C-alpha atoms as a PDB file:
ATOM      1  CA  MET A   1      85.613  68.470  59.951  1.00  0.00           C
ATOM      2  CA  ILE A   2      88.777  66.467  59.693  1.00  0.00           C
ATOM      3  CA  PRO A   3      88.930  64.178  57.218  1.00  0.00           C
ATOM      4  CA  LEU A   4      89.783  61.192  58.259  1.00  0.00           C
ATOM      5  CA  THR A   5      92.773  60.864  56.327  1.00  0.00           C
ATOM      6  CA  ALA A   6      94.450  63.580  58.350  1.00  0.00           C
ATOM      7  CA  LEU A   7      93.962  61.061  61.154  1.00  0.00           C
ATOM      8  CA  TRP A   8      95.315  57.951  59.657  1.00  0.00           C
ATOM      9  CA  LEU A   9      98.699  57.897  62.634  1.00  0.00           C
ATOM     10  CA  PRO A  10      96.857  58.558  65.762  1.00  0.00           C
ATOM     11  CA  ILE A  11      94.528  55.458  64.227  1.00  0.00           C
ATOM     12  CA  LEU A  12      97.382  53.186  63.470  1.00  0.00           C
ATOM     13  CA  LEU A  13      99.169  54.244  66.573  1.00  0.00           C
ATOM     14  CA  SER A  14      96.924  53.709  68.934  1.00  0.00           C
ATOM     15  CA  GLY A  15      95.303  50.631  67.492  1.00  0.00           C
ATOM     16  CA  MET A  16      98.618  49.369  67.427  1.00  0.00           C
ATOM     17  CA  VAL A  17      99.742  50.759  71.143  1.00  0.00           C
ATOM     18  CA  VAL A  18      95.963  49.112  72.574  1.00  0.00           C
ATOM     19  CA  PHE A  19      96.950  45.899  70.780  1.00  0.00           C
ATOM     20  CA  ALA A  20     100.559  45.703  72.345  1.00  0.00           C
ATOM     21  CA  VAL A  21      99.114  46.429  76.089  1.00  0.00           C
ATOM     22  CA  SER A  22      96.362  44.562  76.028  1.00  0.00           C
ATOM     23  CA  ALA A  23      98.250  41.124  75.101  1.00  0.00           C
ATOM     24  CA  MET A  24     100.927  42.543  78.012  1.00  0.00           C
ATOM     25  CA  ILE A  25      97.559  42.768  79.771  1.00  0.00           C
ATOM     26  CA  TRP A  26      96.785  39.605  79.857  1.00  0.00           C
ATOM     27  CA  MET A  27      99.702  38.001  79.336  1.00  0.00           C
ATOM     28  CA  VAL A  28     101.642  39.383  82.073  1.00  0.00           C
ATOM     29  CA  MET A  29      99.511  41.337  84.415  1.00  0.00           C
ATOM     30  CA  PRO A  30      98.374  38.845  87.104  1.00  0.00           C
ATOM     31  CA  HIS A  31      94.559  40.610  87.703  1.00  0.00           C
ATOM     32  CA  HIS A  32      92.858  37.994  85.197  1.00  0.00           C
ATOM     33  CA  LYS A  33      94.635  34.958  85.877  1.00  0.00           C
ATOM     34  CA  GLN A  34      91.753  33.857  88.274  1.00  0.00           C
ATOM     35  CA  ASP A  35      88.849  34.947  85.934  1.00  0.00           C
ATOM     36  CA  PHE A  36      88.157  31.711  84.907  1.00  0.00           C
ATOM     37  CA  ALA A  37      88.099  28.576  87.193  1.00  0.00           C
ATOM     38  CA  ALA A  38      89.197  24.986  86.709  1.00  0.00           C
ATOM     39  CA  ALA A  39      85.986  21.997  87.335  1.00  0.00           C
ATOM     40  CA  ASP A  40      86.452  19.735  90.100  1.00  0.00           C
ATOM     41  CA  ASP A  41      86.778  16.748  87.457  1.00  0.00           C
ATOM     42  CA  GLU A  42      87.884  18.372  84.213  1.00  0.00           C
ATOM     43  CA  ASP A  43      88.224  15.026  82.406  1.00  0.00           C
ATOM     44  CA  ALA A  44      85.072  13.691  83.658  1.00  0.00           C
ATOM     45  CA  LEU A  45      83.773  17.098  82.391  1.00  0.00           C
ATOM     46  CA  MET A  46      85.401  16.891  78.992  1.00  0.00           C
ATOM     47  CA  ASP A  47      84.266  13.413  78.608  1.00  0.00           C
ATOM     48  CA  ALA A  48      80.529  14.863  78.993  1.00  0.00           C
ATOM     49  CA  VAL A  49      81.231  17.474  76.367  1.00  0.00           C
ATOM     50  CA  ARG A  50      82.919  15.572  73.771  1.00  0.00           C
ATOM     51  CA  SER A  51      79.835  13.381  74.357  1.00  0.00           C
ATOM     52  CA  THR A  52      77.206  15.520  74.334  1.00  0.00           C
ATOM     53  CA  VAL A  53      78.035  18.082  72.292  1.00  0.00           C
ATOM     54  CA  PRO A  54      77.943  18.592  68.164  1.00  0.00           C
ATOM     55  CA  GLY A  55      81.138  20.971  68.112  1.00  0.00           C
ATOM     56  CA  PRO A  56      82.237  24.218  68.399  1.00  0.00           C
ATOM     57  CA  GLY A  57      79.546  26.497  69.823  1.00  0.00           C
ATOM     58  CA  MET A  58      77.882  28.112  72.588  1.00  0.00           C
ATOM     59  CA  TYR A  59      75.152  25.829  74.322  1.00  0.00           C
ATOM     60  CA  THR A  60      72.588  27.001  77.622  1.00  0.00           C
ATOM     61  CA  PHE A  61      71.754  24.386  79.569  1.00  0.00           C
ATOM     62  CA  PRO A  62      68.691  23.666  80.873  1.00  0.00           C
ATOM     63  CA  ARG A  63      67.036  24.795  77.249  1.00  0.00           C
ATOM     64  CA  ALA A  64      63.747  24.981  76.825  1.00  0.00           C
ATOM     65  CA  PRO A  65      61.737  22.895  74.105  1.00  0.00           C
ATOM     66  CA  ASP A  66      60.853  24.991  71.635  1.00  0.00           C
ATOM     67  CA  GLY A  67      61.537  28.110  73.497  1.00  0.00           C
ATOM     68  CA  GLU A  68      58.284  27.373  76.022  1.00  0.00           C
ATOM     69  CA  THR A  69      59.879  28.884  78.857  1.00  0.00           C
ATOM     70  CA  SER A  70      56.804  29.299  81.039  1.00  0.00           C
ATOM     71  CA  GLY A  71      56.022  25.444  80.895  1.00  0.00           C
ATOM     72  CA  GLU A  72      56.764  23.412  84.361  1.00  0.00           C
ATOM     73  CA  ALA A  73      58.629  20.642  83.096  1.00  0.00           C
ATOM     74  CA  TYR A  74      61.199  23.919  82.487  1.00  0.00           C
ATOM     75  CA  ARG A  75      60.657  25.524  85.764  1.00  0.00           C
ATOM     76  CA  GLU A  76      61.573  22.427  87.370  1.00  0.00           C
ATOM     77  CA  ARG A  77      64.572  21.669  85.855  1.00  0.00           C
ATOM     78  CA  LEU A  78      66.051  25.194  86.064  1.00  0.00           C
ATOM     79  CA  ALA A  79      65.350  25.160  89.646  1.00  0.00           C
ATOM     80  CA  ALA A  80      67.170  21.588  89.763  1.00  0.00           C
ATOM     81  CA  GLY A  81      70.209  23.427  88.063  1.00  0.00           C
ATOM     82  CA  PRO A  82      72.740  23.589  87.466  1.00  0.00           C
ATOM     83  CA  VAL A  83      71.956  26.852  84.742  1.00  0.00           C
ATOM     84  CA  GLY A  84      74.107  27.747  82.198  1.00  0.00           C
ATOM     85  CA  ILE A  85      76.441  28.682  79.061  1.00  0.00           C
ATOM     86  CA  LEU A  86      78.623  26.819  77.977  1.00  0.00           C
ATOM     87  CA  ARG A  87      81.014  27.668  74.945  1.00  0.00           C
ATOM     88  CA  VAL A  88      82.691  25.305  73.010  1.00  0.00           C
ATOM     89  CA  ARG A  89      85.724  26.201  71.198  1.00  0.00           C
ATOM     90  CA  ASP A  90      87.621  24.684  67.814  1.00  0.00           C
ATOM     91  CA  PRO A  91      90.754  23.514  69.304  1.00  0.00           C
ATOM     92  CA  GLU A  92      93.038  25.226  66.659  1.00  0.00           C
ATOM     93  CA  THR A  93      91.787  28.401  67.486  1.00  0.00           C
ATOM     94  CA  VAL A  94      93.597  28.008  70.948  1.00  0.00           C
ATOM     95  CA  ILE A  95      96.766  26.174  69.524  1.00  0.00           C
ATOM     96  CA  ASP A  96      96.875  29.050  66.306  1.00  0.00           C
ATOM     97  CA  MET A  97      96.142  32.399  67.942  1.00  0.00           C
ATOM     98  CA  ARG A  98      96.966  34.239  65.024  1.00  0.00           C
ATOM     99  CA  PRO A  99      93.803  34.459  63.565  1.00  0.00           C
ATOM    100  CA  ALA A 100      92.379  35.610  67.186  1.00  0.00           C
ATOM    101  CA  MET A 101      94.853  37.960  67.247  1.00  0.00           C
ATOM    102  CA  ALA A 102      94.339  39.650  63.886  1.00  0.00           C
ATOM    103  CA  LYS A 103      90.836  40.222  64.674  1.00  0.00           C
ATOM    104  CA  SER A 104      91.745  41.471  67.902  1.00  0.00           C
ATOM    105  CA  VAL A 105      93.957  44.088  65.847  1.00  0.00           C
ATOM    106  CA  LEU A 106      91.431  44.819  63.362  1.00  0.00           C
ATOM    107  CA  LEU A 107      89.232  45.620  66.349  1.00  0.00           C
ATOM    108  CA  HIS A 108      91.656  47.893  67.743  1.00  0.00           C
ATOM    109  CA  LEU A 109      91.481  49.776  64.726  1.00  0.00           C
ATOM    110  CA  VAL A 110      88.123  49.953  63.994  1.00  0.00           C
ATOM    111  CA  ILE A 111      88.026  51.597  67.123  1.00  0.00           C
ATOM    112  CA  ALA A 112      89.998  53.845  66.727  1.00  0.00           C
ATOM    113  CA  VAL A 113      88.190  55.346  63.034  1.00  0.00           C
ATOM    114  CA  PHE A 114      85.247  55.297  64.884  1.00  0.00           C
ATOM    115  CA  VAL A 115      87.388  57.295  67.617  1.00  0.00           C
ATOM    116  CA  ALA A 116      88.918  59.508  65.128  1.00  0.00           C
ATOM    117  CA  TRP A 117      85.640  60.058  63.359  1.00  0.00           C
ATOM    118  CA  LEU A 118      83.496  61.450  66.199  1.00  0.00           C
ATOM    119  CA  ALA A 119      86.504  63.320  67.350  1.00  0.00           C
ATOM    120  CA  SER A 120      86.999  64.936  64.113  1.00  0.00           C
ATOM    121  CA  SER A 121      83.277  65.735  63.658  1.00  0.00           C
ATOM    122  CA  THR A 122      83.468  67.766  66.677  1.00  0.00           C
ATOM    123  CA  LEU A 123      86.641  69.456  67.126  1.00  0.00           C
ATOM    124  CA  GLU A 124      88.048  71.792  65.237  1.00  0.00           C
ATOM    125  CA  VAL A 125      92.100  71.585  63.469  1.00  0.00           C
ATOM    126  CA  GLY A 126      94.234  73.139  66.336  1.00  0.00           C
ATOM    127  CA  ALA A 127      91.958  71.773  69.148  1.00  0.00           C
ATOM    128  CA  SER A 128      93.340  71.988  72.885  1.00  0.00           C
ATOM    129  CA  HIS A 129      95.260  68.881  73.684  1.00  0.00           C
ATOM    130  CA  ALA A 130      92.416  68.494  76.838  1.00  0.00           C
ATOM    131  CA  SER A 131      89.225  68.872  74.266  1.00  0.00           C
ATOM    132  CA  VAL A 132      91.097  66.350  72.137  1.00  0.00           C
ATOM    133  CA  PHE A 133      91.842  64.104  75.236  1.00  0.00           C
ATOM    134  CA  GLN A 134      88.260  64.000  76.357  1.00  0.00           C
ATOM    135  CA  VAL A 135      86.102  63.585  73.027  1.00  0.00           C
ATOM    136  CA  ALA A 136      89.032  60.866  72.123  1.00  0.00           C
ATOM    137  CA  GLY A 137      88.995  59.133  75.341  1.00  0.00           C
ATOM    138  CA  THR A 138      85.211  58.859  76.343  1.00  0.00           C
ATOM    139  CA  ALA A 139      84.434  57.161  72.699  1.00  0.00           C
ATOM    140  CA  ALA A 140      87.626  54.674  73.514  1.00  0.00           C
ATOM    141  CA  PHE A 141      86.396  53.869  76.765  1.00  0.00           C
ATOM    142  CA  MET A 142      82.716  53.659  75.667  1.00  0.00           C
ATOM    143  CA  ALA A 143      83.950  50.874  73.257  1.00  0.00           C
ATOM    144  CA  HIS A 144      86.798  49.048  75.630  1.00  0.00           C
ATOM    145  CA  GLY A 145      85.214  49.708  79.089  1.00  0.00           C
ATOM    146  CA  PHE A 146      81.711  48.335  78.783  1.00  0.00           C
ATOM    147  CA  ILE A 147      82.533  45.171  76.739  1.00  0.00           C
ATOM    148  CA  GLY A 148      81.834  42.464  80.315  1.00  0.00           C
ATOM    149  CA  PHE A 149      79.016  44.741  81.894  1.00  0.00           C
ATOM    150  CA  GLN A 150      76.361  42.794  78.626  1.00  0.00           C
ATOM    151  CA  GLU A 151      77.877  39.561  79.145  1.00  0.00           C
ATOM    152  CA  SER A 152      78.077  40.228  83.300  1.00  0.00           C
ATOM    153  CA  ILE A 153      73.776  41.562  82.970  1.00  0.00           C
ATOM    154  CA  TRP A 154      72.584  38.601  80.891  1.00  0.00           C
ATOM    155  CA  PHE A 155      75.081  36.023  80.137  1.00  0.00           C
ATOM    156  CA  GLY A 156      76.587  35.209  83.620  1.00  0.00           C
ATOM    157  CA  LEU A 157      79.953  36.916  83.770  1.00  0.00           C
ATOM    158  CA  PRO A 158      81.137  37.417  87.189  1.00  0.00           C
ATOM    159  CA  GLY A 159      80.851  41.866  87.867  1.00  0.00           C
ATOM    160  CA  ARG A 160      84.094  40.956  89.132  1.00  0.00           C
ATOM    161  CA  VAL A 161      85.680  40.489  85.696  1.00  0.00           C
ATOM    162  CA  ALA A 162      83.518  42.490  84.147  1.00  0.00           C
ATOM    163  CA  PHE A 163      84.917  45.250  86.085  1.00  0.00           C
ATOM    164  CA  LYS A 164      88.510  44.045  85.813  1.00  0.00           C
ATOM    165  CA  HIS A 165      87.595  44.209  81.575  1.00  0.00           C
ATOM    166  CA  ALA A 166      86.339  47.928  82.617  1.00  0.00           C
ATOM    167  CA  LEU A 167      89.476  48.988  84.066  1.00  0.00           C
ATOM    168  CA  ASP A 168      91.631  47.572  81.408  1.00  0.00           C
ATOM    169  CA  GLY A 169      89.363  49.431  79.063  1.00  0.00           C
ATOM    170  CA  LEU A 170      89.801  52.989  81.167  1.00  0.00           C
ATOM    171  CA  VAL A 171      93.685  51.801  80.149  1.00  0.00           C
ATOM    172  CA  TYR A 172      93.432  52.048  76.538  1.00  0.00           C
ATOM    173  CA  ALA A 173      91.077  54.580  76.651  1.00  0.00           C
ATOM    174  CA  LEU A 174      93.624  56.418  78.244  1.00  0.00           C
ATOM    175  CA  LEU A 175      96.474  55.596  75.850  1.00  0.00           C
ATOM    176  CA  THR A 176      93.897  55.997  72.592  1.00  0.00           C
ATOM    177  CA  ALA A 177      93.612  59.720  74.200  1.00  0.00           C
ATOM    178  CA  GLY A 178      97.012  60.352  74.802  1.00  0.00           C
ATOM    179  CA  ILE A 179      98.362  59.548  71.112  1.00  0.00           C
ATOM    180  CA  PHE A 180      95.092  61.625  69.777  1.00  0.00           C
ATOM    181  CA  GLY A 181      95.536  64.468  71.596  1.00  0.00           C
ATOM    182  CA  TRP A 182      99.472  64.566  70.983  1.00  0.00           C
ATOM    183  CA  LEU A 183      98.682  63.601  66.922  1.00  0.00           C
ATOM    184  CA  TRP A 184      95.972  65.930  66.725  1.00  0.00           C
ATOM    185  CA  PRO A 185      96.494  68.329  63.891  1.00  0.00           C
ATOM    186  CA  ALA A 186      97.267  71.762  64.660  1.00  0.00           C
END
């Protein structure tokens, strides 16, 4: 087993490269531009949310009273619609994105540490580039590529958006795999 300390450079480099590429994908590439739709009357929606939601958080509607989802009244409210999940953010988290960016860097570094741990516990010093690429790429894709599907299955994220997240994750995984393959101890 290779100690994680021997993989500090691919961990740091892949974490930072994936962060930079993910930022470019979200800011420059056009494929995420239509992921969020606009409301027909945004001002009315914002007024309604402002007057009925106590603050940042996740809200479901309609909400079953006391978790009683089998009651007839709740089922009628579901059938009448709309049904949804509302995520309300603190405006400061949108105005000042630095904390979110720092958390994103940390997430990519944590993923890189787990990729390194898996690769170091399954591969030897001097493993072939192809072997390192396969193990590191698979682990990285599992972390980056599947992120949207859980949201799609349970929380209404459109399937096309989850698929785009998976494509982004494939790019991140290929970058991670390439960096680990390149910098693997000889």
